[in-house]
Amino acid sequence: MSKLLMLCLIVFLGSCGESPVSWKAGEIYSVKGSTGGEYYVLKVLEVQKDAIWYGLYVDKYDRRPTSADLGSLNKWVVSWSFPGNMKEDEPLLITTDATTPGEMEMLRISKVNYNVREKR
């Protein structure tokens, strides 16, 4: 492997762990959508060393939400990301709400679907 390719790989892998946000389970953020013209709300469900598991609500906003009534939001999907990749979404903490047993069950099912094996 060339030295340049090795250096690029090291820089990429090192950036995967960097994040301007100190993520914690139960935090709720507004995030920029992939096209940049819309915003969404997500709830952090679990933080691991190399991954953030979250529920992303499907409600779309033209302006960045500064508060969220979770009971009034529509369905959500559970997904994950590397902490360093989340900075592109420009996360803004808007509130906190403890995770519920139902949310954690959805997380467990999602991990099975993603074929994630938990360390024992």
N, C-alpha and C. Protein backbone atom coordinates (compact mmCIF):
# COMPACT_ATOMS: atom_id res chain seq x y z
N MET A 1 0.86 -1.17 0.00
CA MET A 1 0.00 0.00 0.00
C MET A 1 0.90 1.24 0.00
N SER A 2 0.57 2.19 -0.84
CA SER A 2 1.40 3.39 -0.91
C SER A 2 1.29 4.20 0.37
N LYS A 3 2.32 5.00 0.64
CA LYS A 3 2.32 5.83 1.85
C LYS A 3 1.19 6.85 1.82
N LEU A 4 0.91 7.41 0.63
CA LEU A 4 -0.16 8.40 0.51
C LEU A 4 -1.52 7.77 0.80
N LEU A 5 -1.77 6.58 0.25
CA LEU A 5 -3.03 5.90 0.50
C LEU A 5 -3.18 5.56 1.98
N MET A 6 -2.10 5.11 2.60
CA MET A 6 -2.12 4.78 4.02
C MET A 6 -2.42 6.03 4.85
N LEU A 7 -1.80 7.16 4.51
CA LEU A 7 -2.03 8.41 5.23
C LEU A 7 -3.49 8.85 5.09
N CYS A 8 -4.06 8.75 3.88
CA CYS A 8 -5.46 9.12 3.67
C CYS A 8 -6.39 8.24 4.49
N LEU A 9 -6.09 6.94 4.56
CA LEU A 9 -6.90 6.03 5.35
C LEU A 9 -6.84 6.37 6.83
N ILE A 10 -5.67 6.69 7.33
CA ILE A 10 -5.51 7.06 8.73
C ILE A 10 -6.28 8.35 9.04
N VAL A 11 -6.19 9.34 8.16
CA VAL A 11 -6.91 10.61 8.37
C VAL A 11 -8.41 10.37 8.35
N PHE A 12 -8.89 9.55 7.41
CA PHE A 12 -10.34 9.26 7.33
C PHE A 12 -10.82 8.56 8.58
N LEU A 13 -10.14 7.51 8.98
CA LEU A 13 -10.58 6.75 10.16
C LEU A 13 -10.49 7.61 11.42
N GLY A 14 -9.50 8.45 11.50
CA GLY A 14 -9.38 9.33 12.66
C GLY A 14 -10.49 10.34 12.72
N SER A 15 -10.98 10.81 11.57
CA SER A 15 -12.04 11.82 11.57
C SER A 15 -13.39 11.23 11.92
N CYS A 16 -13.53 9.91 11.81
CA CYS A 16 -14.82 9.29 12.11
C CYS A 16 -15.20 9.46 13.57
N GLY A 17 -14.24 9.60 14.46
CA GLY A 17 -14.55 9.72 15.87
C GLY A 17 -14.70 11.15 16.35
N GLU A 18 -14.38 12.13 15.52
CA GLU A 18 -14.45 13.52 15.95
C GLU A 18 -15.87 14.04 15.85
N SER A 19 -16.27 14.82 16.80
CA SER A 19 -17.60 15.42 16.76
C SER A 19 -17.58 16.69 17.58
N PRO A 20 -18.22 17.76 17.07
CA PRO A 20 -18.28 19.00 17.83
C PRO A 20 -19.32 18.93 18.95
N VAL A 21 -20.08 17.85 18.99
CA VAL A 21 -21.16 17.70 19.96
C VAL A 21 -20.80 16.57 20.92
N SER A 22 -21.13 16.74 22.18
CA SER A 22 -20.93 15.69 23.17
C SER A 22 -22.27 14.96 23.32
N TRP A 23 -22.49 13.97 22.51
CA TRP A 23 -23.77 13.27 22.41
C TRP A 23 -24.09 12.51 23.70
N LYS A 24 -25.39 12.54 24.08
CA LYS A 24 -25.87 11.79 25.24
C LYS A 24 -27.26 11.24 24.93
N ALA A 25 -27.53 10.04 25.40
CA ALA A 25 -28.86 9.45 25.20
C ALA A 25 -29.93 10.35 25.79
N GLY A 26 -31.02 10.50 25.07
CA GLY A 26 -32.13 11.34 25.52
C GLY A 26 -32.10 12.76 24.98
N GLU A 27 -30.99 13.16 24.38
CA GLU A 27 -30.92 14.51 23.83
C GLU A 27 -31.69 14.57 22.51
N ILE A 28 -32.33 15.70 22.29
CA ILE A 28 -33.12 15.90 21.09
C ILE A 28 -32.54 17.09 20.33
N TYR A 29 -32.27 16.86 19.06
CA TYR A 29 -31.61 17.85 18.21
C TYR A 29 -32.46 18.16 16.99
N SER A 30 -32.32 19.39 16.49
CA SER A 30 -32.78 19.67 15.15
C SER A 30 -31.55 19.55 14.27
N VAL A 31 -31.75 18.95 13.09
CA VAL A 31 -30.64 18.73 12.16
C VAL A 31 -31.05 19.14 10.76
N LYS A 32 -30.05 19.53 10.00
CA LYS A 32 -30.26 19.94 8.61
C LYS A 32 -30.46 18.69 7.76
N GLY A 33 -31.41 18.74 6.83
CA GLY A 33 -31.64 17.62 5.91
C GLY A 33 -30.56 17.54 4.86
N SER A 34 -30.59 16.46 4.10
CA SER A 34 -29.53 16.21 3.12
C SER A 34 -29.50 17.22 1.97
N THR A 35 -30.63 17.83 1.65
CA THR A 35 -30.63 18.82 0.58
C THR A 35 -30.33 20.22 1.08
N GLY A 36 -30.34 20.39 2.41
CA GLY A 36 -30.00 21.69 3.00
C GLY A 36 -31.16 22.64 3.13
N GLY A 37 -32.30 22.34 2.50
CA GLY A 37 -33.44 23.25 2.57
C GLY A 37 -34.49 22.84 3.57
N GLU A 38 -34.24 21.76 4.30
CA GLU A 38 -35.21 21.30 5.27
C GLU A 38 -34.51 20.87 6.55
N TYR A 39 -35.29 20.75 7.62
CA TYR A 39 -34.76 20.35 8.92
C TYR A 39 -35.62 19.23 9.50
N TYR A 40 -35.00 18.44 10.35
CA TYR A 40 -35.67 17.31 11.00
C TYR A 40 -35.34 17.33 12.49
N VAL A 41 -36.05 16.50 13.24
CA VAL A 41 -35.79 16.34 14.67
C VAL A 41 -35.33 14.90 14.89
N LEU A 42 -34.29 14.74 15.69
CA LEU A 42 -33.84 13.40 16.04
C LEU A 42 -33.64 13.30 17.54
N LYS A 43 -33.77 12.07 18.04
CA LYS A 43 -33.55 11.80 19.46
C LYS A 43 -32.44 10.76 19.58
N VAL A 44 -31.43 11.09 20.36
CA VAL A 44 -30.31 10.17 20.58
C VAL A 44 -30.79 9.05 21.51
N LEU A 45 -30.59 7.80 21.05
CA LEU A 45 -31.01 6.65 21.85
C LEU A 45 -29.84 5.99 22.57
N GLU A 46 -28.70 5.94 21.91
CA GLU A 46 -27.53 5.29 22.51
C GLU A 46 -26.27 5.85 21.87
N VAL A 47 -25.27 6.05 22.69
CA VAL A 47 -23.98 6.54 22.20
C VAL A 47 -22.94 5.47 22.50
N GLN A 48 -22.27 5.04 21.44
CA GLN A 48 -21.17 4.09 21.57
C GLN A 48 -19.90 4.81 21.15
N LYS A 49 -18.78 4.17 21.33
CA LYS A 49 -17.50 4.80 20.99
C LYS A 49 -17.47 5.25 19.53
N ASP A 50 -17.95 4.40 18.62
CA ASP A 50 -17.84 4.69 17.20
C ASP A 50 -19.18 4.86 16.50
N ALA A 51 -20.27 4.96 17.25
CA ALA A 51 -21.58 5.08 16.60
C ALA A 51 -22.56 5.81 17.51
N ILE A 52 -23.46 6.52 16.86
CA ILE A 52 -24.57 7.17 17.56
C ILE A 52 -25.84 6.56 16.98
N TRP A 53 -26.65 5.97 17.82
CA TRP A 53 -27.94 5.42 17.42
C TRP A 53 -29.00 6.46 17.75
N TYR A 54 -29.88 6.73 16.81
CA TYR A 54 -30.88 7.77 17.02
C TYR A 54 -32.19 7.42 16.32
N GLY A 55 -33.25 8.06 16.78
CA GLY A 55 -34.53 8.00 16.10
C GLY A 55 -34.72 9.30 15.34
N LEU A 56 -34.96 9.20 14.05
CA LEU A 56 -35.18 10.38 13.21
C LEU A 56 -36.66 10.48 12.89
N TYR A 57 -37.29 11.56 13.34
CA TYR A 57 -38.71 11.77 13.05
C TYR A 57 -38.88 12.18 11.60
N VAL A 58 -39.97 11.73 10.97
CA VAL A 58 -40.16 11.99 9.54
C VAL A 58 -40.74 13.37 9.26
N ASP A 59 -41.16 14.09 10.28
CA ASP A 59 -41.68 15.45 10.09
C ASP A 59 -40.59 16.35 9.52
N LYS A 60 -40.95 17.09 8.48
CA LYS A 60 -39.98 17.98 7.82
C LYS A 60 -40.38 19.42 8.08
N TYR A 61 -39.37 20.27 8.33
CA TYR A 61 -39.59 21.69 8.63
C TYR A 61 -38.83 22.56 7.63
N ASP A 62 -39.45 23.67 7.24
CA ASP A 62 -38.76 24.63 6.37
C ASP A 62 -37.77 25.49 7.14
N ARG A 63 -38.04 25.67 8.44
CA ARG A 63 -37.15 26.43 9.32
C ARG A 63 -36.70 25.53 10.45
N ARG A 64 -35.52 25.81 10.97
CA ARG A 64 -34.97 24.98 12.04
C ARG A 64 -35.86 25.05 13.28
N PRO A 65 -36.34 23.89 13.77
CA PRO A 65 -37.13 23.89 15.01
C PRO A 65 -36.25 24.26 16.21
N THR A 66 -36.81 25.02 17.12
CA THR A 66 -36.09 25.36 18.34
C THR A 66 -36.72 24.71 19.56
N SER A 67 -37.80 23.95 19.33
CA SER A 67 -38.44 23.17 20.38
C SER A 67 -39.13 21.99 19.70
N ALA A 68 -39.51 21.01 20.50
CA ALA A 68 -40.18 19.84 19.92
C ALA A 68 -41.13 19.23 20.94
N ASP A 69 -42.37 19.03 20.53
CA ASP A 69 -43.35 18.28 21.32
C ASP A 69 -43.36 16.87 20.72
N LEU A 70 -42.62 15.95 21.34
CA LEU A 70 -42.46 14.63 20.77
C LEU A 70 -43.78 13.90 20.58
N GLY A 71 -44.75 14.18 21.43
CA GLY A 71 -46.04 13.52 21.31
C GLY A 71 -46.79 13.90 20.05
N SER A 72 -46.48 15.06 19.48
CA SER A 72 -47.19 15.51 18.29
C SER A 72 -46.45 15.15 16.99
N LEU A 73 -45.25 14.62 17.12
CA LEU A 73 -44.48 14.27 15.92
C LEU A 73 -44.91 12.91 15.38
N ASN A 74 -44.70 12.71 14.08
CA ASN A 74 -45.08 11.47 13.42
C ASN A 74 -44.04 10.38 13.62
N LYS A 75 -44.26 9.27 12.97
CA LYS A 75 -43.38 8.11 13.10
C LYS A 75 -41.92 8.48 12.87
N TRP A 76 -41.06 7.61 13.34
CA TRP A 76 -39.63 7.83 13.18
C TRP A 76 -38.95 6.54 12.82
N VAL A 77 -37.75 6.65 12.30
CA VAL A 77 -36.93 5.49 11.94
C VAL A 77 -35.68 5.52 12.79
N VAL A 78 -35.22 4.33 13.17
CA VAL A 78 -33.99 4.23 13.94
C VAL A 78 -32.84 4.04 12.96
N SER A 79 -31.79 4.80 13.16
CA SER A 79 -30.62 4.71 12.31
C SER A 79 -29.38 4.96 13.15
N TRP A 80 -28.23 4.98 12.51
CA TRP A 80 -26.98 5.23 13.22
C TRP A 80 -26.04 6.01 12.31
N SER A 81 -25.01 6.57 12.91
CA SER A 81 -24.00 7.31 12.17
C SER A 81 -22.71 7.34 12.97
N PHE A 82 -21.59 7.59 12.27
CA PHE A 82 -20.34 7.87 12.95
C PHE A 82 -20.45 9.27 13.55
N PRO A 83 -19.94 9.49 14.77
CA PRO A 83 -20.04 10.83 15.37
C PRO A 83 -19.49 11.94 14.48
N GLY A 84 -18.38 11.71 13.81
CA GLY A 84 -17.78 12.74 12.97
C GLY A 84 -18.64 13.10 11.77
N ASN A 85 -19.43 12.16 11.28
CA ASN A 85 -20.29 12.43 10.13
C ASN A 85 -21.49 13.30 10.49
N MET A 86 -21.87 13.31 11.75
CA MET A 86 -23.05 14.05 12.18
C MET A 86 -22.85 15.57 12.13
N LYS A 87 -21.59 16.03 12.14
CA LYS A 87 -21.37 17.48 12.15
C LYS A 87 -21.87 18.14 10.87
N GLU A 88 -21.94 17.37 9.76
CA GLU A 88 -22.46 17.91 8.50
C GLU A 88 -23.93 18.28 8.60
N ASP A 89 -24.64 17.64 9.55
CA ASP A 89 -26.06 17.90 9.74
C ASP A 89 -26.32 19.12 10.62
N GLU A 90 -25.26 19.75 11.08
CA GLU A 90 -25.35 20.95 11.92
C GLU A 90 -26.34 20.75 13.08
N PRO A 91 -26.08 19.78 13.96
CA PRO A 91 -27.01 19.51 15.06
C PRO A 91 -27.10 20.67 16.04
N LEU A 92 -28.33 20.94 16.48
CA LEU A 92 -28.59 21.97 17.48
C LEU A 92 -29.45 21.35 18.57
N LEU A 93 -28.91 21.28 19.79
CA LEU A 93 -29.65 20.71 20.91
C LEU A 93 -30.85 21.59 21.23
N ILE A 94 -32.06 20.97 21.27
CA ILE A 94 -33.25 21.77 21.56
C ILE A 94 -33.90 21.36 22.88
N THR A 95 -33.71 20.13 23.32
CA THR A 95 -34.27 19.71 24.61
C THR A 95 -33.74 18.32 24.95
N THR A 96 -34.14 17.81 26.09
CA THR A 96 -33.80 16.43 26.47
C THR A 96 -35.07 15.73 26.94
N ASP A 97 -35.09 14.42 26.78
CA ASP A 97 -36.22 13.61 27.19
C ASP A 97 -35.69 12.19 27.37
N ALA A 98 -35.82 11.65 28.56
CA ALA A 98 -35.28 10.32 28.83
C ALA A 98 -35.81 9.29 27.83
N THR A 99 -34.95 8.35 27.45
CA THR A 99 -35.39 7.29 26.55
C THR A 99 -36.39 6.40 27.27
N THR A 100 -37.34 5.89 26.52
CA THR A 100 -38.39 5.04 27.08
C THR A 100 -38.10 3.58 26.77
N PRO A 101 -38.71 2.65 27.52
CA PRO A 101 -38.53 1.23 27.20
C PRO A 101 -38.96 0.90 25.76
N GLY A 102 -40.01 1.55 25.27
CA GLY A 102 -40.45 1.32 23.89
C GLY A 102 -39.41 1.75 22.87
N GLU A 103 -38.79 2.89 23.11
CA GLU A 103 -37.73 3.36 22.20
C GLU A 103 -36.54 2.42 22.22
N MET A 104 -36.19 1.93 23.41
CA MET A 104 -35.05 1.03 23.52
C MET A 104 -35.35 -0.32 22.86
N GLU A 105 -36.62 -0.74 22.88
CA GLU A 105 -37.00 -1.97 22.19
C GLU A 105 -36.89 -1.77 20.68
N MET A 106 -37.31 -0.61 20.18
CA MET A 106 -37.15 -0.31 18.75
C MET A 106 -35.67 -0.30 18.38
N LEU A 107 -34.83 0.22 19.26
CA LEU A 107 -33.39 0.21 19.02
C LEU A 107 -32.88 -1.22 18.95
N ARG A 108 -33.30 -2.05 19.88
CA ARG A 108 -32.85 -3.44 19.89
C ARG A 108 -33.24 -4.16 18.60
N ILE A 109 -34.48 -3.96 18.15
CA ILE A 109 -34.95 -4.58 16.91
C ILE A 109 -34.15 -4.06 15.72
N SER A 110 -33.87 -2.76 15.71
CA SER A 110 -33.10 -2.17 14.61
C SER A 110 -31.70 -2.75 14.55
N LYS A 111 -31.09 -2.95 15.70
CA LYS A 111 -29.75 -3.54 15.73
C LYS A 111 -29.77 -4.95 15.16
N VAL A 112 -30.83 -5.69 15.45
CA VAL A 112 -30.97 -7.03 14.87
C VAL A 112 -31.07 -6.91 13.35
N ASN A 113 -31.88 -5.96 12.87
CA ASN A 113 -32.03 -5.77 11.42
C ASN A 113 -30.73 -5.33 10.75
N TYR A 114 -29.92 -4.52 11.46
CA TYR A 114 -28.62 -4.09 10.94
C TYR A 114 -27.54 -5.16 11.15
N ASN A 115 -27.93 -6.26 11.81
CA ASN A 115 -27.01 -7.36 12.09
C ASN A 115 -25.86 -6.91 13.00
N VAL A 116 -26.19 -6.10 14.00
CA VAL A 116 -25.19 -5.65 14.97
C VAL A 116 -25.13 -6.65 16.09
N ARG A 117 -23.92 -7.09 16.39
CA ARG A 117 -23.72 -8.04 17.48
C ARG A 117 -23.19 -7.30 18.69
N GLU A 118 -23.91 -7.40 19.76
CA GLU A 118 -23.50 -6.73 21.00
C GLU A 118 -22.37 -7.51 21.67
N LYS A 119 -21.41 -6.79 22.23
CA LYS A 119 -20.34 -7.43 22.99
C LYS A 119 -20.89 -7.90 24.31
N ARG A 120 -20.50 -9.06 24.72
CA ARG A 120 -20.98 -9.60 26.00
C ARG A 120 -19.85 -9.74 26.95
